[in-house]
Amino acid sequence: MKWWTTLGIDLLVVLVFATVGRLSHAEGAALLGVVVTAWPFVVALAAATIALLAMHRPAYTLRNGVFVWLGTLVVGMLLRVGTGGGVQPSFVVVAGIFLALTMLGWRLLARRRIARTA
C-alpha cells in the first residue's frame, strides 16, 4: 500500500472525527468549521506520517498505525492546548478511542484482506 493511500484514509478518519464531534455538540458540519476543528489533528497526522517515511517504515502496518494514532492524538491535543483550544479529559478519552478504533481498525481489516488474497 502506498503511503499517500494510508495518509488519505487516515485523513478521512480525522475529518469524520471532527465532523461527528461538531455535530454531537450542535456546532454544524460547515466545511470551515470542520477544518478549524480538525487542523491540529491533520497537522499531527502529517507529522507522524512524515516521521515514519523518514524512518523508512510503512504507515499501513498495525504496529506503525499505533505510532500514527498516538502521534495524531498527542500532538493534536498539544496543538489544541497551545492555540487556546479546549481539551477536557473526556475529550481526550473519546478522541483516543475513536481514533484508535478507526485508524487501527482499517489497518486490521486491510491486513486480513491481504492475508486472504495471499
N, C-alpha and C. Protein backbone atom coordinates (compact mmCIF):
# COMPACT_ATOMS: atom_id res chain seq x y z
N MET A 1 0.85 -1.18 0.00
CA MET A 1 0.00 0.00 0.00
C MET A 1 0.90 1.24 0.00
N LYS A 2 0.58 2.18 -0.82
CA LYS A 2 1.35 3.42 -0.94
C LYS A 2 1.10 4.31 0.29
N TRP A 3 2.11 5.11 0.63
CA TRP A 3 1.99 5.97 1.82
C TRP A 3 0.89 6.99 1.67
N TRP A 4 0.67 7.49 0.47
CA TRP A 4 -0.36 8.51 0.30
C TRP A 4 -1.77 7.92 0.43
N THR A 5 -1.92 6.63 0.12
CA THR A 5 -3.21 5.98 0.33
C THR A 5 -3.48 5.88 1.83
N THR A 6 -2.47 5.47 2.57
CA THR A 6 -2.59 5.38 4.02
C THR A 6 -2.90 6.75 4.62
N LEU A 7 -2.17 7.75 4.18
CA LEU A 7 -2.41 9.11 4.67
C LEU A 7 -3.82 9.56 4.32
N GLY A 8 -4.27 9.26 3.12
CA GLY A 8 -5.62 9.65 2.70
C GLY A 8 -6.70 9.01 3.55
N ILE A 9 -6.54 7.72 3.87
CA ILE A 9 -7.53 7.04 4.71
C ILE A 9 -7.52 7.63 6.12
N ASP A 10 -6.31 7.84 6.66
CA ASP A 10 -6.22 8.44 8.00
C ASP A 10 -6.76 9.87 8.02
N LEU A 11 -6.53 10.61 6.96
CA LEU A 11 -7.08 11.97 6.87
C LEU A 11 -8.61 11.93 6.87
N LEU A 12 -9.17 10.99 6.14
CA LEU A 12 -10.63 10.83 6.14
C LEU A 12 -11.13 10.53 7.55
N VAL A 13 -10.41 9.67 8.27
CA VAL A 13 -10.76 9.35 9.65
C VAL A 13 -10.79 10.61 10.51
N VAL A 14 -9.76 11.43 10.40
CA VAL A 14 -9.67 12.67 11.20
C VAL A 14 -10.82 13.62 10.83
N LEU A 15 -11.14 13.72 9.55
CA LEU A 15 -12.23 14.61 9.14
C LEU A 15 -13.59 14.10 9.62
N VAL A 16 -13.77 12.79 9.61
CA VAL A 16 -15.02 12.21 10.15
C VAL A 16 -15.08 12.48 11.65
N PHE A 17 -13.96 12.30 12.35
CA PHE A 17 -13.90 12.58 13.79
C PHE A 17 -14.31 14.02 14.08
N ALA A 18 -13.75 14.97 13.35
CA ALA A 18 -14.07 16.38 13.57
C ALA A 18 -15.54 16.67 13.25
N THR A 19 -16.03 16.09 12.17
CA THR A 19 -17.42 16.32 11.77
C THR A 19 -18.39 15.75 12.80
N VAL A 20 -18.16 14.52 13.21
CA VAL A 20 -19.04 13.89 14.21
C VAL A 20 -18.99 14.68 15.52
N GLY A 21 -17.80 15.09 15.92
CA GLY A 21 -17.68 15.88 17.14
C GLY A 21 -18.45 17.18 17.07
N ARG A 22 -18.34 17.85 15.95
CA ARG A 22 -19.07 19.12 15.79
C ARG A 22 -20.58 18.88 15.80
N LEU A 23 -21.01 17.85 15.11
CA LEU A 23 -22.45 17.55 15.07
C LEU A 23 -22.97 17.15 16.45
N SER A 24 -22.17 16.41 17.22
CA SER A 24 -22.63 15.97 18.54
C SER A 24 -22.73 17.14 19.51
N HIS A 25 -22.08 18.26 19.20
CA HIS A 25 -22.16 19.45 20.04
C HIS A 25 -22.98 20.55 19.38
N ALA A 26 -23.77 20.18 18.38
CA ALA A 26 -24.67 21.10 17.67
C ALA A 26 -23.92 22.30 17.10
N GLU A 27 -22.70 22.07 16.62
CA GLU A 27 -21.92 23.15 16.01
C GLU A 27 -22.03 23.16 14.49
N GLY A 28 -22.68 22.17 13.92
CA GLY A 28 -22.86 22.11 12.49
C GLY A 28 -21.64 21.51 11.79
N ALA A 29 -21.86 21.15 10.53
CA ALA A 29 -20.82 20.47 9.76
C ALA A 29 -20.34 21.31 8.58
N ALA A 30 -20.42 22.64 8.71
CA ALA A 30 -19.92 23.50 7.64
C ALA A 30 -18.43 23.24 7.45
N LEU A 31 -17.99 23.28 6.21
CA LEU A 31 -16.61 22.94 5.87
C LEU A 31 -15.59 23.74 6.69
N LEU A 32 -15.78 25.04 6.80
CA LEU A 32 -14.83 25.87 7.54
C LEU A 32 -14.77 25.45 9.01
N GLY A 33 -15.90 25.16 9.60
CA GLY A 33 -15.93 24.72 11.00
C GLY A 33 -15.22 23.40 11.19
N VAL A 34 -15.41 22.47 10.26
CA VAL A 34 -14.73 21.17 10.34
C VAL A 34 -13.23 21.37 10.22
N VAL A 35 -12.81 22.22 9.31
CA VAL A 35 -11.38 22.50 9.12
C VAL A 35 -10.78 23.11 10.39
N VAL A 36 -11.48 24.04 11.00
CA VAL A 36 -11.00 24.69 12.22
C VAL A 36 -10.85 23.65 13.35
N THR A 37 -11.80 22.73 13.44
CA THR A 37 -11.74 21.70 14.46
C THR A 37 -10.66 20.67 14.16
N ALA A 38 -10.51 20.31 12.90
CA ALA A 38 -9.62 19.20 12.51
C ALA A 38 -8.16 19.58 12.37
N TRP A 39 -7.84 20.85 12.12
CA TRP A 39 -6.48 21.20 11.72
C TRP A 39 -5.39 20.71 12.67
N PRO A 40 -5.56 20.77 14.01
CA PRO A 40 -4.46 20.30 14.86
C PRO A 40 -4.17 18.80 14.64
N PHE A 41 -5.22 18.04 14.41
CA PHE A 41 -5.07 16.61 14.21
C PHE A 41 -4.55 16.29 12.81
N VAL A 42 -4.90 17.11 11.84
CA VAL A 42 -4.37 16.94 10.48
C VAL A 42 -2.87 17.21 10.48
N VAL A 43 -2.45 18.27 11.14
CA VAL A 43 -1.02 18.59 11.24
C VAL A 43 -0.28 17.46 11.97
N ALA A 44 -0.86 16.98 13.06
CA ALA A 44 -0.24 15.90 13.82
C ALA A 44 -0.16 14.62 12.99
N LEU A 45 -1.20 14.32 12.25
CA LEU A 45 -1.20 13.15 11.36
C LEU A 45 -0.11 13.27 10.32
N ALA A 46 0.01 14.43 9.71
CA ALA A 46 1.05 14.65 8.71
C ALA A 46 2.43 14.48 9.32
N ALA A 47 2.63 15.00 10.52
CA ALA A 47 3.93 14.88 11.18
C ALA A 47 4.26 13.42 11.48
N ALA A 48 3.29 12.66 11.96
CA ALA A 48 3.52 11.24 12.26
C ALA A 48 3.84 10.47 10.99
N THR A 49 3.13 10.76 9.92
CA THR A 49 3.37 10.08 8.64
C THR A 49 4.74 10.44 8.10
N ILE A 50 5.11 11.70 8.17
CA ILE A 50 6.44 12.13 7.70
C ILE A 50 7.53 11.46 8.53
N ALA A 51 7.31 11.34 9.84
CA ALA A 51 8.30 10.68 10.69
C ALA A 51 8.49 9.22 10.27
N LEU A 52 7.39 8.53 9.98
CA LEU A 52 7.51 7.14 9.52
C LEU A 52 8.24 7.06 8.19
N LEU A 53 7.93 7.97 7.28
CA LEU A 53 8.62 7.99 5.99
C LEU A 53 10.12 8.23 6.18
N ALA A 54 10.46 9.12 7.08
CA ALA A 54 11.88 9.41 7.35
C ALA A 54 12.60 8.19 7.92
N MET A 55 11.86 7.36 8.65
CA MET A 55 12.45 6.14 9.22
C MET A 55 12.33 4.95 8.26
N HIS A 56 11.79 5.21 7.09
CA HIS A 56 11.59 4.17 6.07
C HIS A 56 10.71 3.04 6.60
N ARG A 57 9.66 3.43 7.33
CA ARG A 57 8.72 2.46 7.87
C ARG A 57 7.37 2.67 7.21
N PRO A 58 6.71 1.60 6.79
CA PRO A 58 5.40 1.73 6.13
C PRO A 58 4.31 2.12 7.12
N ALA A 59 3.53 3.11 6.76
CA ALA A 59 2.49 3.62 7.65
C ALA A 59 1.26 2.71 7.71
N TYR A 60 1.17 1.74 6.82
CA TYR A 60 -0.04 0.91 6.77
C TYR A 60 -0.01 -0.28 7.74
N THR A 61 1.13 -0.61 8.30
CA THR A 61 1.16 -1.75 9.21
C THR A 61 0.49 -1.40 10.53
N LEU A 62 0.03 -2.42 11.23
CA LEU A 62 -0.65 -2.20 12.50
C LEU A 62 0.29 -1.56 13.53
N ARG A 63 1.51 -2.05 13.60
CA ARG A 63 2.48 -1.51 14.56
C ARG A 63 2.73 -0.03 14.29
N ASN A 64 2.93 0.33 13.05
CA ASN A 64 3.16 1.73 12.72
C ASN A 64 1.87 2.53 12.79
N GLY A 65 0.74 1.86 12.66
CA GLY A 65 -0.55 2.51 12.86
C GLY A 65 -0.70 3.01 14.29
N VAL A 66 -0.15 2.24 15.24
CA VAL A 66 -0.17 2.68 16.64
C VAL A 66 0.63 3.97 16.78
N PHE A 67 1.76 4.05 16.10
CA PHE A 67 2.57 5.27 16.10
C PHE A 67 1.78 6.45 15.52
N VAL A 68 1.10 6.22 14.41
CA VAL A 68 0.30 7.27 13.76
C VAL A 68 -0.84 7.70 14.69
N TRP A 69 -1.53 6.73 15.27
CA TRP A 69 -2.64 7.03 16.17
C TRP A 69 -2.19 7.87 17.36
N LEU A 70 -1.15 7.38 18.06
CA LEU A 70 -0.68 8.12 19.24
C LEU A 70 -0.11 9.48 18.85
N GLY A 71 0.61 9.54 17.75
CA GLY A 71 1.15 10.83 17.30
C GLY A 71 0.04 11.81 16.97
N THR A 72 -0.98 11.33 16.29
CA THR A 72 -2.12 12.18 15.94
C THR A 72 -2.84 12.67 17.19
N LEU A 73 -3.05 11.77 18.13
CA LEU A 73 -3.77 12.12 19.35
C LEU A 73 -2.95 13.08 20.21
N VAL A 74 -1.73 12.72 20.54
CA VAL A 74 -0.93 13.51 21.48
C VAL A 74 -0.54 14.86 20.89
N VAL A 75 0.01 14.86 19.69
CA VAL A 75 0.42 16.13 19.08
C VAL A 75 -0.80 16.99 18.76
N GLY A 76 -1.88 16.37 18.32
CA GLY A 76 -3.11 17.12 18.06
C GLY A 76 -3.64 17.82 19.30
N MET A 77 -3.62 17.10 20.43
CA MET A 77 -4.07 17.71 21.69
C MET A 77 -3.13 18.82 22.13
N LEU A 78 -1.83 18.59 21.98
CA LEU A 78 -0.87 19.64 22.35
C LEU A 78 -1.05 20.89 21.49
N LEU A 79 -1.32 20.70 20.22
CA LEU A 79 -1.57 21.86 19.34
C LEU A 79 -2.85 22.58 19.75
N ARG A 80 -3.88 21.83 20.14
CA ARG A 80 -5.12 22.47 20.61
C ARG A 80 -4.84 23.31 21.86
N VAL A 81 -4.12 22.73 22.80
CA VAL A 81 -3.81 23.46 24.04
C VAL A 81 -2.97 24.69 23.72
N GLY A 82 -1.97 24.51 22.86
CA GLY A 82 -1.07 25.61 22.53
C GLY A 82 -1.72 26.75 21.78
N THR A 83 -2.85 26.49 21.15
CA THR A 83 -3.54 27.53 20.40
C THR A 83 -4.83 27.97 21.09
N GLY A 84 -4.97 27.60 22.36
CA GLY A 84 -6.12 28.06 23.13
C GLY A 84 -7.38 27.25 22.97
N GLY A 85 -7.28 26.09 22.35
CA GLY A 85 -8.45 25.23 22.20
C GLY A 85 -8.71 24.45 23.48
N GLY A 86 -9.96 24.08 23.66
CA GLY A 86 -10.32 23.33 24.85
C GLY A 86 -9.90 21.87 24.76
N VAL A 87 -9.38 21.36 25.88
CA VAL A 87 -9.00 19.95 25.96
C VAL A 87 -9.45 19.42 27.32
N GLN A 88 -10.66 18.92 27.36
CA GLN A 88 -11.18 18.30 28.58
C GLN A 88 -10.75 16.84 28.61
N PRO A 89 -10.58 16.26 29.79
CA PRO A 89 -10.20 14.84 29.87
C PRO A 89 -11.14 13.92 29.09
N SER A 90 -12.44 14.20 29.15
CA SER A 90 -13.39 13.36 28.42
C SER A 90 -13.17 13.45 26.91
N PHE A 91 -12.77 14.61 26.43
CA PHE A 91 -12.48 14.78 25.00
C PHE A 91 -11.27 13.95 24.59
N VAL A 92 -10.25 13.95 25.44
CA VAL A 92 -9.05 13.16 25.14
C VAL A 92 -9.40 11.67 25.08
N VAL A 93 -10.22 11.21 26.02
CA VAL A 93 -10.62 9.80 26.04
C VAL A 93 -11.43 9.44 24.81
N VAL A 94 -12.44 10.25 24.50
CA VAL A 94 -13.28 9.97 23.34
C VAL A 94 -12.47 10.03 22.05
N ALA A 95 -11.63 11.04 21.92
CA ALA A 95 -10.79 11.15 20.72
C ALA A 95 -9.84 9.96 20.62
N GLY A 96 -9.25 9.57 21.73
CA GLY A 96 -8.33 8.43 21.73
C GLY A 96 -9.02 7.15 21.30
N ILE A 97 -10.20 6.91 21.83
CA ILE A 97 -10.94 5.69 21.47
C ILE A 97 -11.38 5.72 20.01
N PHE A 98 -11.95 6.84 19.58
CA PHE A 98 -12.42 6.93 18.19
C PHE A 98 -11.26 6.76 17.21
N LEU A 99 -10.19 7.49 17.44
CA LEU A 99 -9.05 7.42 16.52
C LEU A 99 -8.39 6.05 16.55
N ALA A 100 -8.32 5.41 17.71
CA ALA A 100 -7.74 4.07 17.80
C ALA A 100 -8.60 3.07 17.03
N LEU A 101 -9.90 3.10 17.26
CA LEU A 101 -10.79 2.14 16.58
C LEU A 101 -10.75 2.31 15.07
N THR A 102 -10.71 3.53 14.61
CA THR A 102 -10.76 3.76 13.17
C THR A 102 -9.39 3.62 12.51
N MET A 103 -8.36 4.24 13.09
CA MET A 103 -7.03 4.18 12.47
C MET A 103 -6.43 2.77 12.54
N LEU A 104 -6.65 2.09 13.64
CA LEU A 104 -6.15 0.73 13.75
C LEU A 104 -7.11 -0.27 13.13
N GLY A 105 -8.39 0.05 13.19
CA GLY A 105 -9.40 -0.84 12.62
C GLY A 105 -9.25 -1.04 11.13
N TRP A 106 -9.05 0.03 10.37
CA TRP A 106 -8.92 -0.16 8.92
C TRP A 106 -7.64 -0.91 8.59
N ARG A 107 -6.61 -0.74 9.39
CA ARG A 107 -5.36 -1.47 9.16
C ARG A 107 -5.54 -2.97 9.42
N LEU A 108 -6.30 -3.31 10.46
CA LEU A 108 -6.59 -4.71 10.73
C LEU A 108 -7.38 -5.34 9.60
N LEU A 109 -8.38 -4.62 9.12
CA LEU A 109 -9.18 -5.13 8.01
C LEU A 109 -8.34 -5.30 6.75
N ALA A 110 -7.46 -4.35 6.49
CA ALA A 110 -6.59 -4.44 5.31
C ALA A 110 -5.64 -5.62 5.44
N ARG A 111 -5.12 -5.83 6.63
CA ARG A 111 -4.20 -6.95 6.86
C ARG A 111 -4.91 -8.28 6.64
N ARG A 112 -6.14 -8.39 7.12
CA ARG A 112 -6.92 -9.63 6.92
C ARG A 112 -7.20 -9.86 5.44
N ARG A 113 -7.52 -8.79 4.75
CA ARG A 113 -7.81 -8.92 3.32
C ARG A 113 -6.57 -9.35 2.54
N ILE A 114 -5.44 -8.74 2.88
CA ILE A 114 -4.17 -9.09 2.20
C ILE A 114 -3.81 -10.54 2.50
N ALA A 115 -4.02 -10.98 3.76
CA ALA A 115 -3.69 -12.36 4.13
C ALA A 115 -4.58 -13.35 3.38
N ARG A 116 -5.85 -13.01 3.17
CA ARG A 116 -6.76 -13.90 2.45
C ARG A 116 -6.40 -14.04 0.98
N THR A 117 -5.92 -12.94 0.38
CA THR A 117 -5.61 -12.99 -1.04
C THR A 117 -4.24 -13.60 -1.31
N ALA A 118 -3.41 -13.70 -0.28
CA ALA A 118 -2.05 -14.24 -0.47
C ALA A 118 -2.04 -15.76 -0.53
